[in-house]
Amino acid sequence: MPGVARPRRSVRSALGGRQGADLTQSALTDTLGGWAGHVLTAVVFLLAFSSMIGNYYYGESNIGFLTRRAWVLPVYRAVVPAVVFLGALGSVGVVWNLADVFMGVMALINLLAILPLSAIAFRLLDDYQAQRRAGRDPVFTGSRMPDLRGVECWPDERPAPVMERGGERVGAGAS
């Protein structure tokens, strides 16, 4: 009948029920040609592999920081390949849901660790700004915050470098 709109197919039926990575790969292949699907596969593999290596290293270095027990690292090294293998066997939905849960737990732990550190960070920011206002090139040393324990990264006090402001020398070493 003229003037009567035909019902449109739903987007889902137009996509043939494809979702997620399958939809992306199909769209690239349909748009750019058959080679695009192979390139996407290689890119996803490289990103996934480098992410696994990076996360493994983060875990190993954190274990070295958290404990000195000799047995923990070999256990971690045995558990990681087992988890990767089980992840390869699991369904995509389960693997993504587990990844989401563990990323959320990791973010929560990081936020809880950052809260007590924020007081120190604001003190260091205040020290930095005070040194800048004094015309110094800010230098952080353990002696500037003597109440902080376990500071290993900052050397003892040394003369601050002189900064130039508008052709004029300012700071501790200016004459």
Foldseek 3Di string as FASTA:
>chain_A
DPPDDDDDDDPCVVQVNDDDPRSVLVVCCVVPHDVRNVVVVVVVVVVVVVVLVVVLVVVLVVCVVPDPDPVPNVVSVVVSVVVVVVLVVDDPVVNVVVVVVVVVVVVVVVVVVVVVVVVVVVVVVVQCVVCVVQQFNDADACVVPVVDPPDDPHHHDDATDWDDDPNATGGDPHD
